[in-house]
Amino acid sequence: MRVAQIAPLAESVPPKLYGGTERVVSWLADELVALGHEVTLFASGDSRTKAKLVPAWPRALRLSRPRAAPAAACASLLEVVAEAAGDFDLIHSHVDWLHLPLLRRLRTPFLTTLHGRLDLPEVPLAMQRFPGAPFISISQSQRAPLPDLHWLATIHHGMPADLLALSERPEGYLAFLGRITAEKGPDVAIRVARAAGLPLRIAAKVPRAENRYFNETIKPLLDGNNVRFLGEVNDRQKQAFLGNAAALLFPIDWPEPFGLVMIEAMACGTPVIAWPRGSVREVIEDGVTGFVVDSEAEAVEAIGRIGCLDRRLIRKRFEQRFTARRMAEDYIDSYRQLTTPVPYSAGRAQPGRKSIEVL
């Protein structure tokens, strides 16, 4: 199958440091190539992929200097996709709704994976304009604000099975990995770690908009010993950071659509202590791959029980549920739904055109 993947331009594919969506796009594109498909990736020019790369913009936007205008970069992305659209059996987009006005007017079947939160007031208004466009959710919980969208499937993220390895001899610290923002709960992680009497290591991006929160709320709590801030880490550094952790703290206070860090920890055999928001109960098996808690007191109590969890079993559950191969095979099933010709009938499909309706 000839498949195009459209990636966001904020980060390279895969990202140099922080970045979830672009990392998933990288894993998916490479795995589709490994399965024998012809994959073209539309992304920033500093991306690395086993697919054919079409550089829609020279460099990823977040780390480039001088900073580029996102609107100009996105216009370039859509233009190069439009020029090549007829070369593909299917176009798979990961840029939310930016592409929808364009792709719905072309003849190539397309699919959109929504990677972000959908409980924002402007999202339903935008989605009303595209009632027939097929979407993939990355968790069942993500769908809650828009249950009537044209959902084709829910496909949980997956990562290469050999990217991170099982670590059976962790050190005695707790880990927080992700992005510094109040809804991710780094301040909660600090309080929980202190109450449990364990060191906390924080590896996180500080977005420009969160500088005040970091400086006023998080920085005063750092002591360089028991609570240490490491900054952003790359994939190579994640192995030691997550693998050596006794547990990952995931104290989110927002409807996280998936939470990639949870399966990264599981790949290392590291249990996850998470609050039940968003996709958490879909990803974490309570008492098997970690503990789902409702309060800081419950989190402290759960930390005392992490020694009862089998890190080898956590790794095994990762291999069974969250590999890139499983993710790619699930997407192929959805691609086939959209590219299988159906008999023409009035109001369904144009003669000589493939239907993009769910069969």
Protein backbone atom coordinates (compact mmCIF):
# COMPACT_ATOMS: atom_id res chain seq x y z
CA MET A 1 0.00 0.00 0.00
CA ARG A 2 1.26 3.52 -0.83
CA VAL A 3 0.71 5.59 2.30
CA ALA A 4 1.52 9.21 3.09
CA GLN A 5 2.12 10.30 6.67
CA ILE A 6 1.71 14.01 7.50
CA ALA A 7 3.58 15.01 10.64
CA PRO A 8 3.42 18.25 12.63
CA LEU A 9 6.31 20.64 12.01
CA ALA A 10 6.83 21.69 15.63
CA GLU A 11 9.41 18.94 16.16
CA SER A 12 11.50 16.75 13.88
CA VAL A 13 10.50 13.13 13.32
CA PRO A 14 11.56 11.72 15.73
CA PRO A 15 12.02 14.68 18.09
CA LYS A 16 15.49 15.60 19.29
CA LEU A 17 14.18 15.93 22.85
CA TYR A 18 10.59 16.36 24.06
CA GLY A 19 7.76 15.48 21.68
CA GLY A 20 5.02 12.87 21.67
CA THR A 21 3.12 13.04 18.37
CA GLU A 22 6.24 13.24 16.20
CA ARG A 23 7.75 10.31 18.07
CA VAL A 24 4.67 8.16 17.42
CA VAL A 25 4.66 9.16 13.73
CA SER A 26 8.29 8.08 13.48
CA TRP A 27 7.60 4.68 15.02
CA LEU A 28 4.54 4.14 12.83
CA ALA A 29 6.22 5.11 9.57
CA ASP A 30 9.25 2.90 10.22
CA GLU A 31 7.09 -0.07 11.20
CA LEU A 32 4.90 0.29 8.11
CA VAL A 33 8.07 0.21 5.99
CA ALA A 34 9.21 -2.92 7.84
CA LEU A 35 5.86 -4.52 6.98
CA GLY A 36 6.47 -3.89 3.27
CA HIS A 37 4.43 -0.74 2.60
CA GLU A 38 5.58 2.24 0.52
CA VAL A 39 5.56 5.11 3.00
CA THR A 40 6.22 8.79 2.33
CA LEU A 41 6.70 11.09 5.30
CA PHE A 42 5.90 14.79 4.99
CA ALA A 43 7.81 16.42 7.85
CA SER A 44 10.60 18.86 8.67
CA GLY A 45 13.84 18.47 6.74
CA ASP A 46 15.85 17.53 9.84
CA SER A 47 13.76 14.37 10.32
CA ARG A 48 15.19 10.84 10.12
CA THR A 49 13.05 7.99 8.81
CA LYS A 50 13.08 4.68 6.98
CA ALA A 51 10.29 6.07 4.79
CA LYS A 52 10.79 8.43 1.87
CA LEU A 53 11.15 11.90 3.39
CA VAL A 54 9.57 14.93 1.74
CA PRO A 55 10.88 17.99 3.62
CA ALA A 56 7.95 20.38 3.85
CA TRP A 57 10.04 22.89 5.84
CA PRO A 58 13.82 22.99 6.39
CA ARG A 59 13.87 22.56 10.16
CA ALA A 60 11.49 21.78 13.00
CA LEU A 61 9.92 24.95 14.34
CA ARG A 62 10.44 24.76 18.13
CA LEU A 63 14.22 24.50 18.24
CA SER A 64 15.02 26.44 15.05
CA ARG A 65 16.65 29.87 15.21
CA PRO A 66 15.57 32.35 14.05
CA ARG A 67 12.03 31.26 14.80
CA ALA A 68 9.90 30.64 11.72
CA ALA A 69 6.29 31.72 11.21
CA PRO A 70 4.13 28.61 11.83
CA ALA A 71 1.50 29.74 9.31
CA ALA A 72 4.08 29.91 6.52
CA ALA A 73 5.45 26.48 7.42
CA CYS A 74 1.97 24.93 7.51
CA ALA A 75 1.07 26.48 4.15
CA SER A 76 4.18 24.88 2.67
CA LEU A 77 3.28 21.53 4.23
CA LEU A 78 -0.22 21.52 2.75
CA GLU A 79 1.03 22.56 -0.68
CA VAL A 80 3.58 19.74 -0.99
CA VAL A 81 0.96 17.24 0.20
CA ALA A 82 -1.58 18.50 -2.34
CA GLU A 83 0.95 18.27 -5.18
CA ALA A 84 1.64 14.59 -4.44
CA ALA A 85 -1.79 13.44 -3.22
CA GLY A 86 -2.56 11.43 -6.35
CA ASP A 87 0.50 9.23 -5.79
CA PHE A 88 -0.97 7.55 -2.71
CA ASP A 89 -3.61 4.98 -1.88
CA LEU A 90 -4.23 6.79 1.42
CA ILE A 91 -3.08 9.92 3.26
CA HIS A 92 -2.76 9.67 7.03
CA SER A 93 -2.59 12.99 8.87
CA HIS A 94 -1.42 13.76 12.41
CA VAL A 95 -1.95 17.56 12.34
CA ASP A 96 -5.40 17.72 13.94
CA TRP A 97 -7.81 19.54 11.57
CA LEU A 98 -5.41 21.76 9.62
CA HIS A 99 -5.54 19.55 6.54
CA LEU A 100 -9.27 18.83 6.46
CA PRO A 101 -10.46 21.61 4.10
CA LEU A 102 -7.84 20.51 1.59
CA LEU A 103 -7.97 16.71 1.74
CA ARG A 104 -11.76 16.45 1.67
CA ARG A 105 -11.64 18.12 -1.76
CA LEU A 106 -9.10 15.70 -3.21
CA ARG A 107 -9.77 12.23 -4.56
CA THR A 108 -7.38 10.32 -2.31
CA PRO A 109 -8.87 8.63 0.78
CA PHE A 110 -7.55 10.12 4.01
CA LEU A 111 -7.55 9.45 7.71
CA THR A 112 -6.81 11.64 10.73
CA THR A 113 -5.42 10.57 14.08
CA LEU A 114 -6.33 13.11 16.74
CA HIS A 115 -3.49 13.33 19.25
CA GLY A 116 -4.71 16.16 21.46
CA ARG A 117 -7.45 16.91 23.95
CA LEU A 118 -10.95 17.41 22.56
CA ASP A 119 -12.65 19.08 25.52
CA LEU A 120 -11.84 22.63 24.36
CA PRO A 121 -14.78 24.86 23.38
CA GLU A 122 -13.58 25.56 19.83
CA VAL A 123 -13.14 21.91 18.84
CA PRO A 124 -16.83 20.93 18.41
CA LEU A 125 -17.42 24.06 16.35
CA ALA A 126 -14.58 23.18 13.99
CA MET A 127 -15.53 19.52 13.72
CA GLN A 128 -19.11 20.36 12.67
CA ARG A 129 -17.66 21.45 9.32
CA PHE A 130 -16.32 17.97 8.55
CA PRO A 131 -19.04 15.44 9.42
CA GLY A 132 -17.86 12.73 7.02
CA ALA A 133 -14.14 12.84 7.76
CA PRO A 134 -12.88 9.59 9.38
CA PHE A 135 -10.90 9.83 12.61
CA ILE A 136 -8.80 7.60 14.85
CA SER A 137 -8.78 8.17 18.61
CA ILE A 138 -5.75 7.21 20.68
CA SER A 139 -7.90 6.18 23.66
CA GLN A 140 -11.56 5.62 24.33
CA SER A 141 -11.54 8.37 26.94
CA GLN A 142 -10.34 10.88 24.32
CA ARG A 143 -13.64 10.47 22.48
CA ALA A 144 -15.86 11.57 25.38
CA PRO A 145 -16.31 15.24 24.36
CA LEU A 146 -17.14 14.28 20.75
CA PRO A 147 -18.83 10.86 20.83
CA ASP A 148 -20.64 11.43 17.52
CA LEU A 149 -17.55 12.17 15.45
CA HIS A 150 -16.95 9.75 12.58
CA TRP A 151 -14.68 7.49 14.64
CA LEU A 152 -13.18 4.63 12.67
CA ALA A 153 -11.24 2.98 15.52
CA THR A 154 -9.33 3.54 18.73
CA ILE A 155 -5.66 2.66 18.33
CA HIS A 156 -3.42 2.89 21.37
CA HIS A 157 0.13 4.06 20.76
CA GLY A 158 2.95 1.57 20.46
CA MET A 159 6.73 1.86 20.43
CA PRO A 160 9.57 -0.33 19.09
CA ALA A 161 10.01 -3.34 21.32
CA ASP A 162 13.80 -2.95 21.37
CA LEU A 163 13.96 0.81 22.01
CA LEU A 164 13.99 0.48 25.81
CA ALA A 165 15.00 -2.62 27.75
CA LEU A 166 13.93 -4.28 30.97
CA SER A 167 15.85 -3.10 34.03
CA GLU A 168 15.52 -5.44 37.02
CA ARG A 169 17.78 -3.59 39.48
CA PRO A 170 16.36 -0.10 39.93
CA GLU A 171 17.86 2.54 42.15
CA GLY A 172 15.85 4.03 44.95
CA TYR A 173 14.47 7.16 43.31
CA LEU A 174 11.11 8.13 41.82
CA ALA A 175 10.84 9.65 38.34
CA PHE A 176 8.76 12.39 36.75
CA LEU A 177 9.05 12.67 32.97
CA GLY A 178 7.25 15.00 30.57
CA ARG A 179 6.41 18.68 30.51
CA ILE A 180 6.43 21.29 33.26
CA THR A 181 2.87 22.54 33.61
CA ALA A 182 0.40 22.54 36.49
CA GLU A 183 -1.89 20.00 34.81
CA LYS A 184 0.95 17.47 34.69
CA GLY A 185 1.43 17.78 38.46
CA PRO A 186 5.18 18.11 39.02
CA ASP A 187 4.49 19.89 42.33
CA VAL A 188 2.31 16.93 43.37
CA ALA A 189 5.11 14.54 42.45
CA ILE A 190 7.50 16.48 44.69
CA ARG A 191 5.12 16.37 47.67
CA VAL A 192 4.46 12.65 47.19
CA ALA A 193 8.16 11.81 46.94
CA ARG A 194 8.96 13.79 50.08
CA ALA A 195 6.11 12.16 51.99
CA ALA A 196 7.38 8.74 50.89
CA GLY A 197 10.94 9.61 51.91
CA LEU A 198 12.41 8.93 48.46
CA PRO A 199 14.42 11.13 46.06
CA LEU A 200 12.69 12.49 42.97
CA ARG A 201 14.33 13.07 39.61
CA ILE A 202 12.48 15.38 37.19
CA ALA A 203 13.27 15.17 33.47
CA ALA A 204 11.04 17.65 31.70
CA LYS A 205 10.64 20.36 29.13
CA VAL A 206 9.79 23.85 30.38
CA PRO A 207 7.59 25.50 27.72
CA ARG A 208 8.06 29.22 27.35
CA ALA A 209 4.51 29.84 28.57
CA GLU A 210 5.27 27.90 31.77
CA ASN A 211 8.40 29.80 32.84
CA ARG A 212 6.51 31.66 35.55
CA TYR A 213 4.98 28.47 36.95
CA PHE A 214 8.39 26.78 36.95
CA ASN A 215 10.20 29.73 38.56
CA GLU A 216 7.58 30.46 41.20
CA THR A 217 6.22 26.99 42.04
CA ILE A 218 8.75 24.30 41.08
CA LYS A 219 12.17 25.92 41.30
CA PRO A 220 11.88 26.80 45.02
CA LEU A 221 11.21 23.11 45.74
CA LEU A 222 14.41 21.90 44.06
CA ASP A 223 17.29 21.18 46.39
CA GLY A 224 19.78 19.56 44.01
CA ASN A 225 19.80 16.36 46.06
CA ASN A 226 16.46 14.86 47.07
CA VAL A 227 14.58 16.78 44.36
CA ARG A 228 16.64 17.27 41.22
CA PHE A 229 15.68 18.84 37.88
CA LEU A 230 17.52 17.31 34.91
CA GLY A 231 15.91 19.20 32.01
CA GLU A 232 14.89 17.48 28.79
CA VAL A 233 16.24 14.01 28.01
CA ASN A 234 16.62 12.21 24.69
CA ASP A 235 15.73 8.61 23.87
CA ARG A 236 19.20 7.33 24.83
CA GLN A 237 19.02 9.01 28.23
CA LYS A 238 15.53 7.69 28.91
CA GLN A 239 16.81 4.13 29.30
CA ALA A 240 18.85 4.97 32.37
CA PHE A 241 16.39 7.55 33.70
CA LEU A 242 13.30 5.31 33.55
CA GLY A 243 15.02 1.95 33.92
CA ASN A 244 16.78 2.93 37.14
CA ALA A 245 13.65 4.44 38.69
CA ALA A 246 11.77 2.54 41.38
CA ALA A 247 8.54 3.95 39.92
CA LEU A 248 7.24 6.65 37.59
CA LEU A 249 4.88 9.22 39.09
CA PHE A 250 2.11 10.36 36.74
CA PRO A 251 -0.01 12.79 38.82
CA ILE A 252 -1.97 14.35 35.96
CA ASP A 253 -4.90 16.69 36.50
CA TRP A 254 -6.24 16.85 32.94
CA PRO A 255 -7.84 14.42 30.44
CA GLU A 256 -4.57 13.04 29.03
CA PRO A 257 -5.47 11.49 25.62
CA PHE A 258 -2.82 8.79 26.01
CA GLY A 259 0.35 9.46 28.01
CA LEU A 260 3.30 8.01 26.12
CA VAL A 261 5.57 8.13 29.14
CA MET A 262 3.50 5.39 30.79
CA ILE A 263 4.37 2.80 28.15
CA GLU A 264 7.98 4.00 28.03
CA ALA A 265 8.22 3.21 31.73
CA MET A 266 6.50 -0.15 31.22
CA ALA A 267 9.04 -1.04 28.51
CA CYS A 268 11.72 -0.73 31.21
CA GLY A 269 9.69 -2.80 33.64
CA THR A 270 9.15 0.29 35.79
CA PRO A 271 5.76 0.50 37.54
CA VAL A 272 3.60 3.59 37.10
CA ILE A 273 1.71 5.33 39.90
CA ALA A 274 -0.96 7.39 38.16
CA TRP A 275 -4.07 9.40 38.87
CA PRO A 276 -7.27 8.20 37.07
CA ARG A 277 -7.63 10.93 34.49
CA GLY A 278 -7.92 10.54 30.72
CA SER A 279 -6.55 7.28 29.38
CA VAL A 280 -4.87 6.09 32.57
CA ARG A 281 -7.23 3.20 33.32
CA GLU A 282 -6.92 2.02 29.69
CA VAL A 283 -3.13 1.91 29.88
CA ILE A 284 -2.29 0.95 33.47
CA GLU A 285 -3.51 -2.35 34.89
CA ASP A 286 -3.93 -1.63 38.58
CA GLY A 287 -1.88 -4.02 40.68
CA VAL A 288 -0.06 -5.40 37.61
CA THR A 289 1.78 -2.63 35.75
CA GLY A 290 1.37 -0.05 38.50
CA PHE A 291 -1.23 1.50 40.76
CA VAL A 292 -4.08 3.92 40.00
CA VAL A 293 -4.60 6.26 42.94
CA ASP A 294 -7.02 9.04 43.84
CA SER A 295 -4.95 11.11 46.25
CA GLU A 296 -1.45 11.95 47.38
CA ALA A 297 -1.94 9.79 50.49
CA GLU A 298 -2.90 6.81 48.29
CA ALA A 299 0.15 7.46 46.12
CA VAL A 300 2.45 7.36 49.15
CA GLU A 301 0.84 4.11 50.25
CA ALA A 302 1.21 2.67 46.73
CA ILE A 303 4.91 3.51 46.69
CA GLY A 304 5.26 1.24 49.70
CA ARG A 305 3.83 -1.63 47.63
CA ILE A 306 5.82 -1.31 44.41
CA GLY A 307 8.15 -4.07 45.57
CA CYS A 308 5.24 -6.49 45.19
CA LEU A 309 5.05 -5.84 41.44
CA ASP A 310 6.97 -8.05 38.99
CA ARG A 311 9.08 -5.87 36.67
CA ARG A 312 9.41 -8.75 34.22
CA LEU A 313 5.63 -9.04 34.04
CA ILE A 314 5.34 -5.28 33.48
CA ARG A 315 7.71 -5.62 30.54
CA LYS A 316 5.73 -8.60 29.24
CA ARG A 317 2.46 -6.64 29.35
CA PHE A 318 4.17 -3.87 27.38
CA GLU A 319 5.22 -6.39 24.73
CA GLN A 320 1.69 -7.78 24.54
CA ARG A 321 -0.14 -4.46 24.34
CA PHE A 322 2.01 -1.51 23.32
CA THR A 323 4.51 -2.35 20.58
CA ALA A 324 4.88 -0.43 17.32
CA ARG A 325 4.15 -3.62 15.38
CA ARG A 326 0.74 -3.98 17.02
CA MET A 327 0.03 -0.29 16.41
CA ALA A 328 1.01 -0.51 12.74
CA GLU A 329 -1.11 -3.62 12.15
CA ASP A 330 -4.11 -1.87 13.72
CA TYR A 331 -3.62 1.10 11.40
CA ILE A 332 -3.33 -1.17 8.38
CA ASP A 333 -6.77 -2.59 9.25
CA SER A 334 -8.18 0.95 9.20
CA TYR A 335 -6.39 1.81 5.96
CA ARG A 336 -7.99 -1.21 4.29
CA GLN A 337 -11.43 -0.14 5.46
CA LEU A 338 -10.97 3.17 3.68
CA THR A 339 -9.39 1.89 0.47
CA THR A 340 -11.57 -1.14 -0.26
CA PRO A 341 -13.89 -0.28 -3.18
CA VAL A 342 -17.61 -0.61 -2.48
CA PRO A 343 -20.48 -0.91 -5.00
CA TYR A 344 -21.77 2.46 -6.15
CA SER A 345 -25.09 3.64 -4.79
CA ALA A 346 -26.67 7.09 -4.84
CA GLY A 347 -25.42 9.32 -2.06
CA ARG A 348 -22.48 7.05 -1.12
CA ALA A 349 -19.59 7.18 -3.56
CA GLN A 350 -18.77 8.70 -6.91
CA PRO A 351 -18.29 6.19 -9.75
CA GLY A 352 -14.66 5.31 -10.09
CA ARG A 353 -13.81 6.68 -6.66
CA LYS A 354 -12.92 4.78 -3.52
CA SER A 355 -15.29 5.22 -0.66
CA ILE A 356 -14.08 6.64 2.65
CA GLU A 357 -17.09 5.49 4.59
CA VAL A 358 -16.86 2.89 7.28
CA LEU A 359 -17.80 -0.50 5.87
